Amino acid sequence: MLACKALAGLLLYPDEALLGALPEITAIMREAGLPPTELDAVLRFCDRLAAAELLDAQGEYVALFDAAPSLSLYLFGHVHGDSRERGQAMVDLIEDYRRMGLDMTADELPDFLPVFLEYASLHDPAQARVLLGEVAEVVSLLAGRLERRGTPYAAVLRAIEALGARRADRETVEARLAEGEPEDTPEALDARYEEVPVNFMEPAVADSACFKAAALVAQFSRDVPPRSRPSNPPAGTQETAPWIG
């Protein structure tokens, strides 16, 4: 499903290769079957990115996705925090990736949204939509937070949400949005950094195909967990789209 690759590219740190690929991405999105509202918004985002100064685009990306844990593109951080449950979910997801021929190195985190989109792109359209639906609550939460900040990046998340086979539970998402965002002050970030790290590469202790929507919704609905430490996209994630080199 090429639309997943295109959306993955739009969520990577902007560089010259991405800007050069925007005409191709735009063409793919026009054929993705998006509703008119979501299609128009994501095309306007592409036009805005194409017209931006590269340094400005990079600064905006860092300010949003690297500096604010509440906007982190690492999916499981919004569900499991830094708990051992996140570690097991990582291991299970890595195994799912390997079964599709998508190998990862030890320094890559599988829950990075562009990597997950690359994984979804390896499936037929129907199954890809099912996979997108399984992360609907997290994607919708991120979209809502981005909209509150007035950033056009929200259009990319809404496009992902629109392509999913299952819509997010609105009450769950609205409840999380109503709780507000955790502090992103230097002191709050330092406190999160001091938490014990999770070993994501430990052996799996349970069978798993792909994380299931019901389990995610149940965990997502609980109290807000500590957020994961923000970081730059893992090494090698630029390979999530064929035009990113």
C-alpha atoms as a PDB file:
ATOM      1  CA  MET A   1       0.000   0.000   0.000  1.00  0.00           C
ATOM      2  CA  LEU A   2       1.993   2.940  -1.338  1.00  0.00           C
ATOM      3  CA  ALA A   3       0.042   5.484   0.688  1.00  0.00           C
ATOM      4  CA  CYS A   4       1.647   4.089   3.853  1.00  0.00           C
ATOM      5  CA  LYS A   5       5.114   4.672   2.377  1.00  0.00           C
ATOM      6  CA  ALA A   6       4.169   8.199   1.357  1.00  0.00           C
ATOM      7  CA  LEU A   7       2.841   9.047   4.815  1.00  0.00           C
ATOM      8  CA  ALA A   8       5.930   7.505   6.407  1.00  0.00           C
ATOM      9  CA  GLY A   9       8.085   9.849   4.349  1.00  0.00           C
ATOM     10  CA  LEU A  10       6.106  12.887   5.475  1.00  0.00           C
ATOM     11  CA  LEU A  11       6.759  11.998   9.122  1.00  0.00           C
ATOM     12  CA  LEU A  12      10.534  11.718   8.758  1.00  0.00           C
ATOM     13  CA  TYR A  13      12.992  14.497   9.574  1.00  0.00           C
ATOM     14  CA  PRO A  14      12.866  16.751   6.490  1.00  0.00           C
ATOM     15  CA  ASP A  15      15.852  16.697   4.147  1.00  0.00           C
ATOM     16  CA  GLU A  16      16.595  17.461   0.504  1.00  0.00           C
ATOM     17  CA  ALA A  17      15.599  13.949  -0.566  1.00  0.00           C
ATOM     18  CA  LEU A  18      12.186  14.285   1.033  1.00  0.00           C
ATOM     19  CA  LEU A  19      11.584  17.696  -0.526  1.00  0.00           C
ATOM     20  CA  GLY A  20      12.564  16.320  -3.914  1.00  0.00           C
ATOM     21  CA  ALA A  21      10.144  13.437  -3.491  1.00  0.00           C
ATOM     22  CA  LEU A  22       7.119  15.598  -2.689  1.00  0.00           C
ATOM     23  CA  PRO A  23       5.718  15.483  -6.258  1.00  0.00           C
ATOM     24  CA  GLU A  24       5.780  11.675  -6.104  1.00  0.00           C
ATOM     25  CA  ILE A  25       4.265  11.663  -2.627  1.00  0.00           C
ATOM     26  CA  THR A  26       1.541  14.053  -3.764  1.00  0.00           C
ATOM     27  CA  ALA A  27       0.689  11.810  -6.704  1.00  0.00           C
ATOM     28  CA  ILE A  28       0.460   8.767  -4.438  1.00  0.00           C
ATOM     29  CA  MET A  29      -1.799  10.553  -1.977  1.00  0.00           C
ATOM     30  CA  ARG A  30      -4.166  11.622  -4.764  1.00  0.00           C
ATOM     31  CA  GLU A  31      -4.732   7.935  -5.524  1.00  0.00           C
ATOM     32  CA  ALA A  32      -4.937   6.769  -1.900  1.00  0.00           C
ATOM     33  CA  GLY A  33      -8.714   6.886  -1.608  1.00  0.00           C
ATOM     34  CA  LEU A  34      -8.750   9.501   1.146  1.00  0.00           C
ATOM     35  CA  PRO A  35     -11.947  11.426   1.893  1.00  0.00           C
ATOM     36  CA  PRO A  36     -11.902  14.891   0.258  1.00  0.00           C
ATOM     37  CA  THR A  37     -11.301  16.780   3.508  1.00  0.00           C
ATOM     38  CA  GLU A  38      -8.305  14.684   4.545  1.00  0.00           C
ATOM     39  CA  LEU A  39      -6.902  14.627   1.003  1.00  0.00           C
ATOM     40  CA  ASP A  40      -7.099  18.401   0.663  1.00  0.00           C
ATOM     41  CA  ALA A  41      -5.403  18.890   4.034  1.00  0.00           C
ATOM     42  CA  VAL A  42      -2.502  16.527   3.330  1.00  0.00           C
ATOM     43  CA  LEU A  43      -1.956  18.042  -0.133  1.00  0.00           C
ATOM     44  CA  ARG A  44      -1.824  21.508   1.423  1.00  0.00           C
ATOM     45  CA  PHE A  45       0.710  20.165   3.908  1.00  0.00           C
ATOM     46  CA  CYS A  46       2.857  18.906   1.022  1.00  0.00           C
ATOM     47  CA  ASP A  47       2.618  22.283  -0.722  1.00  0.00           C
ATOM     48  CA  ARG A  48       3.607  24.060   2.479  1.00  0.00           C
ATOM     49  CA  LEU A  49       6.571  21.754   3.028  1.00  0.00           C
ATOM     50  CA  ALA A  50       7.700  22.219  -0.582  1.00  0.00           C
ATOM     51  CA  ALA A  51       7.642  26.008  -0.180  1.00  0.00           C
ATOM     52  CA  ALA A  52       9.416  26.064   3.188  1.00  0.00           C
ATOM     53  CA  GLU A  53      13.080  26.766   3.814  1.00  0.00           C
ATOM     54  CA  LEU A  54      14.690  23.459   4.732  1.00  0.00           C
ATOM     55  CA  LEU A  55      16.161  24.761   7.993  1.00  0.00           C
ATOM     56  CA  ASP A  56      12.767  26.122   9.019  1.00  0.00           C
ATOM     57  CA  ALA A  57      11.100  22.786   8.256  1.00  0.00           C
ATOM     58  CA  GLN A  58      13.743  20.914  10.225  1.00  0.00           C
ATOM     59  CA  GLY A  59      13.395  23.270  13.174  1.00  0.00           C
ATOM     60  CA  GLU A  60       9.636  22.809  13.230  1.00  0.00           C
ATOM     61  CA  TYR A  61      10.012  19.025  13.154  1.00  0.00           C
ATOM     62  CA  VAL A  62      12.467  18.995  16.060  1.00  0.00           C
ATOM     63  CA  ALA A  63      10.336  21.380  18.126  1.00  0.00           C
ATOM     64  CA  LEU A  64       7.326  19.139  17.692  1.00  0.00           C
ATOM     65  CA  PHE A  65       8.455  15.540  17.670  1.00  0.00           C
ATOM     66  CA  ASP A  66      11.828  15.583  19.434  1.00  0.00           C
ATOM     67  CA  ALA A  67      11.314  18.264  22.086  1.00  0.00           C
ATOM     68  CA  ALA A  68       7.774  17.349  23.174  1.00  0.00           C
ATOM     69  CA  PRO A  69       7.284  13.806  24.549  1.00  0.00           C
ATOM     70  CA  SER A  70       3.520  14.269  24.306  1.00  0.00           C
ATOM     71  CA  LEU A  71       3.960  14.396  20.514  1.00  0.00           C
ATOM     72  CA  SER A  72       6.437  11.536  20.288  1.00  0.00           C
ATOM     73  CA  LEU A  73       6.108   9.384  17.173  1.00  0.00           C
ATOM     74  CA  TYR A  74       7.011   6.293  19.229  1.00  0.00           C
ATOM     75  CA  LEU A  75       3.622   4.624  19.525  1.00  0.00           C
ATOM     76  CA  PHE A  76       4.070   2.432  22.582  1.00  0.00           C
ATOM     77  CA  GLY A  77       5.298   5.345  24.685  1.00  0.00           C
ATOM     78  CA  HIS A  78       1.719   6.647  24.651  1.00  0.00           C
ATOM     79  CA  VAL A  79       0.343   3.249  25.664  1.00  0.00           C
ATOM     80  CA  HIS A  80       2.843   1.566  27.984  1.00  0.00           C
ATOM     81  CA  GLY A  81       5.139   4.426  29.010  1.00  0.00           C
ATOM     82  CA  ASP A  82       8.560   3.008  29.910  1.00  0.00           C
ATOM     83  CA  SER A  83       7.210  -0.154  31.552  1.00  0.00           C
ATOM     84  CA  ARG A  84       8.289  -3.720  30.883  1.00  0.00           C
ATOM     85  CA  GLU A  85       5.019  -4.159  29.003  1.00  0.00           C
ATOM     86  CA  ARG A  86       6.436  -1.809  26.406  1.00  0.00           C
ATOM     87  CA  GLY A  87       9.542  -3.972  26.141  1.00  0.00           C
ATOM     88  CA  GLN A  88       7.506  -7.107  25.470  1.00  0.00           C
ATOM     89  CA  ALA A  89       5.332  -5.265  22.954  1.00  0.00           C
ATOM     90  CA  MET A  90       8.531  -4.163  21.184  1.00  0.00           C
ATOM     91  CA  VAL A  91       9.818  -7.729  21.008  1.00  0.00           C
ATOM     92  CA  ASP A  92       6.508  -8.987  19.618  1.00  0.00           C
ATOM     93  CA  LEU A  93       6.411  -6.260  16.992  1.00  0.00           C
ATOM     94  CA  ILE A  94      10.003  -6.956  15.914  1.00  0.00           C
ATOM     95  CA  GLU A  95       9.019 -10.582  15.337  1.00  0.00           C
ATOM     96  CA  ASP A  96       6.067  -9.467  13.236  1.00  0.00           C
ATOM     97  CA  TYR A  97       8.410  -7.304  11.163  1.00  0.00           C
ATOM     98  CA  ARG A  98      10.841 -10.162  10.637  1.00  0.00           C
ATOM     99  CA  ARG A  99       8.082 -12.425   9.390  1.00  0.00           C
ATOM    100  CA  MET A 100       7.464  -9.841   6.664  1.00  0.00           C
ATOM    101  CA  GLY A 101      11.169  -9.585   5.837  1.00  0.00           C
ATOM    102  CA  LEU A 102      11.628  -6.236   7.582  1.00  0.00           C
ATOM    103  CA  ASP A 103      14.759  -6.664   9.698  1.00  0.00           C
ATOM    104  CA  MET A 104      15.804  -4.117  12.285  1.00  0.00           C
ATOM    105  CA  THR A 105      19.060  -3.399  14.062  1.00  0.00           C
ATOM    106  CA  ALA A 106      19.396  -3.200  17.842  1.00  0.00           C
ATOM    107  CA  ASP A 107      19.420   0.617  17.783  1.00  0.00           C
ATOM    108  CA  GLU A 108      16.095   0.887  15.938  1.00  0.00           C
ATOM    109  CA  LEU A 109      12.774   1.009  17.766  1.00  0.00           C
ATOM    110  CA  PRO A 110       9.924  -0.747  15.972  1.00  0.00           C
ATOM    111  CA  ASP A 111       7.194   1.487  17.362  1.00  0.00           C
ATOM    112  CA  PHE A 112       8.497   4.563  15.508  1.00  0.00           C
ATOM    113  CA  LEU A 113       5.420   5.462  13.466  1.00  0.00           C
ATOM    114  CA  PRO A 114       7.196   5.755  10.075  1.00  0.00           C
ATOM    115  CA  VAL A 115       8.681   2.271  10.612  1.00  0.00           C
ATOM    116  CA  PHE A 116       5.241   0.891  11.455  1.00  0.00           C
ATOM    117  CA  LEU A 117       3.874   2.525   8.301  1.00  0.00           C
ATOM    118  CA  GLU A 118       6.618   0.830   6.283  1.00  0.00           C
ATOM    119  CA  TYR A 119       5.548  -2.483   7.820  1.00  0.00           C
ATOM    120  CA  ALA A 120       1.923  -1.794   6.911  1.00  0.00           C
ATOM    121  CA  SER A 121       2.947  -0.977   3.345  1.00  0.00           C
ATOM    122  CA  LEU A 122       4.223  -4.545   2.899  1.00  0.00           C
ATOM    123  CA  HIS A 123       0.682  -5.890   3.219  1.00  0.00           C
ATOM    124  CA  ASP A 124      -2.188  -5.851   0.770  1.00  0.00           C
ATOM    125  CA  PRO A 125      -4.440  -2.772   1.083  1.00  0.00           C
ATOM    126  CA  ALA A 126      -7.112  -4.499   3.161  1.00  0.00           C
ATOM    127  CA  GLN A 127      -4.634  -5.816   5.742  1.00  0.00           C
ATOM    128  CA  ALA A 128      -2.723  -2.534   5.756  1.00  0.00           C
ATOM    129  CA  ARG A 129      -5.934  -0.741   6.694  1.00  0.00           C
ATOM    130  CA  VAL A 130      -6.493  -3.225   9.518  1.00  0.00           C
ATOM    131  CA  LEU A 131      -3.000  -2.506  10.856  1.00  0.00           C
ATOM    132  CA  LEU A 132      -3.582   1.246  10.714  1.00  0.00           C
ATOM    133  CA  GLY A 133      -6.832   0.743  12.597  1.00  0.00           C
ATOM    134  CA  GLU A 134      -4.983  -1.030  15.402  1.00  0.00           C
ATOM    135  CA  VAL A 135      -3.124   2.187  16.270  1.00  0.00           C
ATOM    136  CA  ALA A 136      -6.156   4.435  15.755  1.00  0.00           C
ATOM    137  CA  GLU A 137      -6.337   5.772  19.310  1.00  0.00           C
ATOM    138  CA  VAL A 138      -2.687   6.835  19.452  1.00  0.00           C
ATOM    139  CA  VAL A 139      -2.821   8.369  15.972  1.00  0.00           C
ATOM    140  CA  SER A 140      -6.012  10.253  16.818  1.00  0.00           C
ATOM    141  CA  LEU A 141      -4.513  11.491  20.092  1.00  0.00           C
ATOM    142  CA  LEU A 142      -1.433  12.806  18.287  1.00  0.00           C
ATOM    143  CA  ALA A 143      -3.603  14.440  15.631  1.00  0.00           C
ATOM    144  CA  GLY A 144      -5.668  16.169  18.297  1.00  0.00           C
ATOM    145  CA  ARG A 145      -2.605  17.463  20.117  1.00  0.00           C
ATOM    146  CA  LEU A 146      -1.077  18.707  16.869  1.00  0.00           C
ATOM    147  CA  GLU A 147      -4.326  20.476  15.969  1.00  0.00           C
ATOM    148  CA  ARG A 148      -4.321  22.210  19.337  1.00  0.00           C
ATOM    149  CA  ARG A 149      -0.862  23.539  18.500  1.00  0.00           C
ATOM    150  CA  GLY A 150      -2.066  24.716  15.117  1.00  0.00           C
ATOM    151  CA  THR A 151       0.512  22.760  13.129  1.00  0.00           C
ATOM    152  CA  PRO A 152      -0.277  21.387   9.645  1.00  0.00           C
ATOM    153  CA  TYR A 153       1.425  18.113  10.626  1.00  0.00           C
ATOM    154  CA  ALA A 154      -1.972  17.181  12.039  1.00  0.00           C
ATOM    155  CA  ALA A 155      -3.111  16.587   8.455  1.00  0.00           C
ATOM    156  CA  VAL A 156      -0.661  13.699   8.081  1.00  0.00           C
ATOM    157  CA  LEU A 157      -1.981  11.995  11.215  1.00  0.00           C
ATOM    158  CA  ARG A 158      -5.591  12.544  10.139  1.00  0.00           C
ATOM    159  CA  ALA A 159      -4.791  10.941   6.790  1.00  0.00           C
ATOM    160  CA  ILE A 160      -3.402   7.873   8.572  1.00  0.00           C
ATOM    161  CA  GLU A 161      -6.504   7.754  10.744  1.00  0.00           C
ATOM    162  CA  ALA A 162      -8.800   8.039   7.709  1.00  0.00           C
ATOM    163  CA  LEU A 163      -7.115   5.109   5.953  1.00  0.00           C
ATOM    164  CA  GLY A 164      -7.563   2.773   8.916  1.00  0.00           C
ATOM    165  CA  ALA A 165     -10.200   0.057   8.884  1.00  0.00           C
ATOM    166  CA  ARG A 166     -11.280   0.976  12.406  1.00  0.00           C
ATOM    167  CA  ARG A 167     -11.991   4.415  13.809  1.00  0.00           C
ATOM    168  CA  ALA A 168     -10.628   5.507  17.156  1.00  0.00           C
ATOM    169  CA  ASP A 169     -12.862   5.348  20.202  1.00  0.00           C
ATOM    170  CA  ARG A 170     -13.782   9.024  20.488  1.00  0.00           C
ATOM    171  CA  GLU A 171     -14.569   8.943  24.210  1.00  0.00           C
ATOM    172  CA  THR A 172     -11.190   7.398  24.967  1.00  0.00           C
ATOM    173  CA  VAL A 173      -9.307   9.933  22.872  1.00  0.00           C
ATOM    174  CA  GLU A 174     -11.289  12.906  24.161  1.00  0.00           C
ATOM    175  CA  ALA A 175     -10.643  11.792  27.737  1.00  0.00           C
ATOM    176  CA  ARG A 176      -6.907  11.726  27.094  1.00  0.00           C
ATOM    177  CA  LEU A 177      -7.016  15.119  25.395  1.00  0.00           C
ATOM    178  CA  ALA A 178      -8.980  16.550  28.314  1.00  0.00           C
ATOM    179  CA  GLU A 179      -6.234  15.470  30.702  1.00  0.00           C
ATOM    180  CA  GLY A 180      -3.875  17.863  28.959  1.00  0.00           C
ATOM    181  CA  GLU A 181      -0.267  17.193  28.080  1.00  0.00           C
ATOM    182  CA  PRO A 182       2.562  16.359  30.497  1.00  0.00           C
ATOM    183  CA  GLU A 183       5.036  19.088  31.246  1.00  0.00           C
ATOM    184  CA  ASP A 184       7.789  19.414  28.675  1.00  0.00           C
ATOM    185  CA  THR A 185      10.019  21.588  30.865  1.00  0.00           C
ATOM    186  CA  PRO A 186      13.736  20.723  31.161  1.00  0.00           C
ATOM    187  CA  GLU A 187      13.185  19.582  34.750  1.00  0.00           C
ATOM    188  CA  ALA A 188      10.322  17.277  33.781  1.00  0.00           C
ATOM    189  CA  LEU A 189      12.312  15.835  30.903  1.00  0.00           C
ATOM    190  CA  ASP A 190      15.326  15.215  33.154  1.00  0.00           C
ATOM    191  CA  ALA A 191      13.107  13.332  35.591  1.00  0.00           C
ATOM    192  CA  ARG A 192      11.894  11.066  32.801  1.00  0.00           C
ATOM    193  CA  TYR A 193      15.441  10.455  31.573  1.00  0.00           C
ATOM    194  CA  GLU A 194      16.417   9.091  34.995  1.00  0.00           C
ATOM    195  CA  GLU A 195      13.897   6.255  34.787  1.00  0.00           C
ATOM    196  CA  VAL A 196      15.285   2.745  34.426  1.00  0.00           C
ATOM    197  CA  PRO A 197      15.560   1.856  30.716  1.00  0.00           C
ATOM    198  CA  VAL A 198      13.719  -1.097  29.270  1.00  0.00           C
ATOM    199  CA  ASN A 199      15.586  -3.820  27.389  1.00  0.00           C
ATOM    200  CA  PHE A 200      13.571  -4.054  24.185  1.00  0.00           C
ATOM    201  CA  MET A 201      15.665  -6.909  22.796  1.00  0.00           C
ATOM    202  CA  GLU A 202      15.001  -9.417  25.590  1.00  0.00           C
ATOM    203  CA  PRO A 203      13.601 -12.814  24.506  1.00  0.00           C
ATOM    204  CA  ALA A 204       9.887 -12.983  23.918  1.00  0.00           C
ATOM    205  CA  VAL A 205       7.844 -14.791  26.554  1.00  0.00           C
ATOM    206  CA  ALA A 206       4.534 -14.938  24.733  1.00  0.00           C
ATOM    207  CA  ASP A 207       3.310 -15.661  21.243  1.00  0.00           C
ATOM    208  CA  SER A 208       2.043 -12.703  19.231  1.00  0.00           C
ATOM    209  CA  ALA A 209       1.072 -11.961  15.662  1.00  0.00           C
ATOM    210  CA  CYS A 210       0.516  -8.216  15.792  1.00  0.00           C
ATOM    211  CA  PHE A 211      -0.607  -6.151  18.778  1.00  0.00           C
ATOM    212  CA  LYS A 212      -4.386  -6.214  18.920  1.00  0.00           C
ATOM    213  CA  ALA A 213      -6.666  -3.198  18.908  1.00  0.00           C
ATOM    214  CA  ALA A 214      -8.666  -4.274  21.962  1.00  0.00           C
ATOM    215  CA  ALA A 215      -5.557  -4.615  24.119  1.00  0.00           C
ATOM    216  CA  LEU A 216      -4.272  -1.246  22.996  1.00  0.00           C
ATOM    217  CA  VAL A 217      -7.569   0.470  23.721  1.00  0.00           C
ATOM    218  CA  ALA A 218      -7.755  -1.103  27.178  1.00  0.00           C
ATOM    219  CA  GLN A 219      -4.234  -0.008  28.082  1.00  0.00           C
ATOM    220  CA  PHE A 220      -4.660   3.378  26.402  1.00  0.00           C
ATOM    221  CA  SER A 221      -7.750   4.092  28.500  1.00  0.00           C
ATOM    222  CA  ARG A 222      -5.877   3.813  31.787  1.00  0.00           C
ATOM    223  CA  ASP A 223      -4.186   6.609  33.657  1.00  0.00           C
ATOM    224  CA  VAL A 224      -1.626   8.515  31.630  1.00  0.00           C
ATOM    225  CA  PRO A 225       1.721   6.669  31.976  1.00  0.00           C
ATOM    226  CA  PRO A 226       5.161   8.291  32.124  1.00  0.00           C
ATOM    227  CA  ARG A 227       6.214   9.310  28.656  1.00  0.00           C
ATOM    228  CA  SER A 228       9.190   7.781  26.866  1.00  0.00           C
ATOM    229  CA  ARG A 229      12.363   9.761  26.471  1.00  0.00           C
ATOM    230  CA  PRO A 230      12.253  11.809  23.244  1.00  0.00           C
ATOM    231  CA  SER A 231      14.976  11.146  20.732  1.00  0.00           C
ATOM    232  CA  ASN A 232      15.865  11.587  17.104  1.00  0.00           C
ATOM    233  CA  PRO A 233      14.464   9.036  14.631  1.00  0.00           C
ATOM    234  CA  PRO A 234      16.393   5.763  14.947  1.00  0.00           C
ATOM    235  CA  ALA A 235      19.294   5.168  12.637  1.00  0.00           C
ATOM    236  CA  GLY A 236      18.138   3.677   9.386  1.00  0.00           C
ATOM    237  CA  THR A 237      14.532   4.878   9.536  1.00  0.00           C
ATOM    238  CA  GLN A 238      15.108   6.896   6.377  1.00  0.00           C
ATOM    239  CA  GLU A 239      14.805   3.583   4.559  1.00  0.00           C
ATOM    240  CA  THR A 240      11.080   3.540   5.311  1.00  0.00           C
ATOM    241  CA  ALA A 241      10.379   5.117   1.929  1.00  0.00           C
ATOM    242  CA  PRO A 242      12.136   4.283  -1.349  1.00  0.00           C
ATOM    243  CA  TRP A 243      12.926   7.906  -2.191  1.00  0.00           C
ATOM    244  CA  ILE A 244      14.675   8.601   1.122  1.00  0.00           C
ATOM    245  CA  GLY A 245      18.363   7.857   0.742  1.00  0.00           C
END
